[in-house]
Amino acid sequence: MKIPLFVFIFLGVYLLLNGYLYLRGLQMLPQGSIRLIYSILFVLLPLSFIAGMVWEDKFPVNVTATLQTVGGTWLIASMYLFAFVLILDVIRLGDHFFGILPDFIKQNYQTTKLILGGSALLILAIVFIIGNIRFHRIETVNMTLHTNKHIAYEPKIVVVSDLHFGYTITAEGAKKFVDAINRKQPDIVLICGDLFDRSLRPVIQARISDELKRIKAGKIYAVPGNHEYYGGVDNALKYMAESGIT
């Protein structure tokens, strides 16, 4: 699979971001073995994301799924942590020029850094728990659309997007989404991009087409998203057609 240029640019920025996080986090930690553990984790976590994305079809499916789950989780976590550390650095810069921090913080600087770091991780854990709960609860938004055109009947349309079937969302996830679609008893289903995450290998192995064929609608239309192009749009469109999708 040809890797687009922007992927290399993204990975370069990602590594720089992680380098910044690593150095700032290291400064928060006391001397000792905890720094070694921290350093090992900061090598393994970013590399798991890179390996799971760049060489996703080189490993066994279950290995790639693990790498993408761990690496993807770290990608999101690193973005939150980057924003947190950046805000702290802006405050530190303001203190350097204007002396805005109170004396008790300056007198207990190392303790303050540990408390801030622990608080950031706790908040991050809460955000991830809430996000995981929301992810596993399919929510729908009902809308009534009006038109001046004459139509013979009022069709019920279900619109879905960004299902990202692949290494991390497999047959079980596909079944859940198809069941949710069928409960709406649609006349038409519109799939608005990124039905697949990238590679079709896990999609074919998990027989996602069997689930897609269960969609009960008069017509099912789809457009490819950027992730279909990453993985090879021609094969993605062919797989959709074989699954009963126009």
Foldseek 3Di string as FASTA:
>chain_A
DDADPVVVVVLVVLVVLLVVLLVVVLVLDDDDCVNVVSVVCSVQQCVLCVCLPVVVVVDPLLSSLVSNVSNVLVSVLSVLSSVLVVVVVVVVVCCVVPVPDDPVCVVVVSVVSNVSVVVSVVVSVVVVVVVVVVVPDDDDDDDDDDDPDDDPDDFFEAEEEQLADDSNQAQVNLLVVLVVQVVSVGQEYEYEENPHQAACVRHVVRVSLVSLLPRDYNAYEYDYHVRCVNNPVVVVVVSCVVSRHD
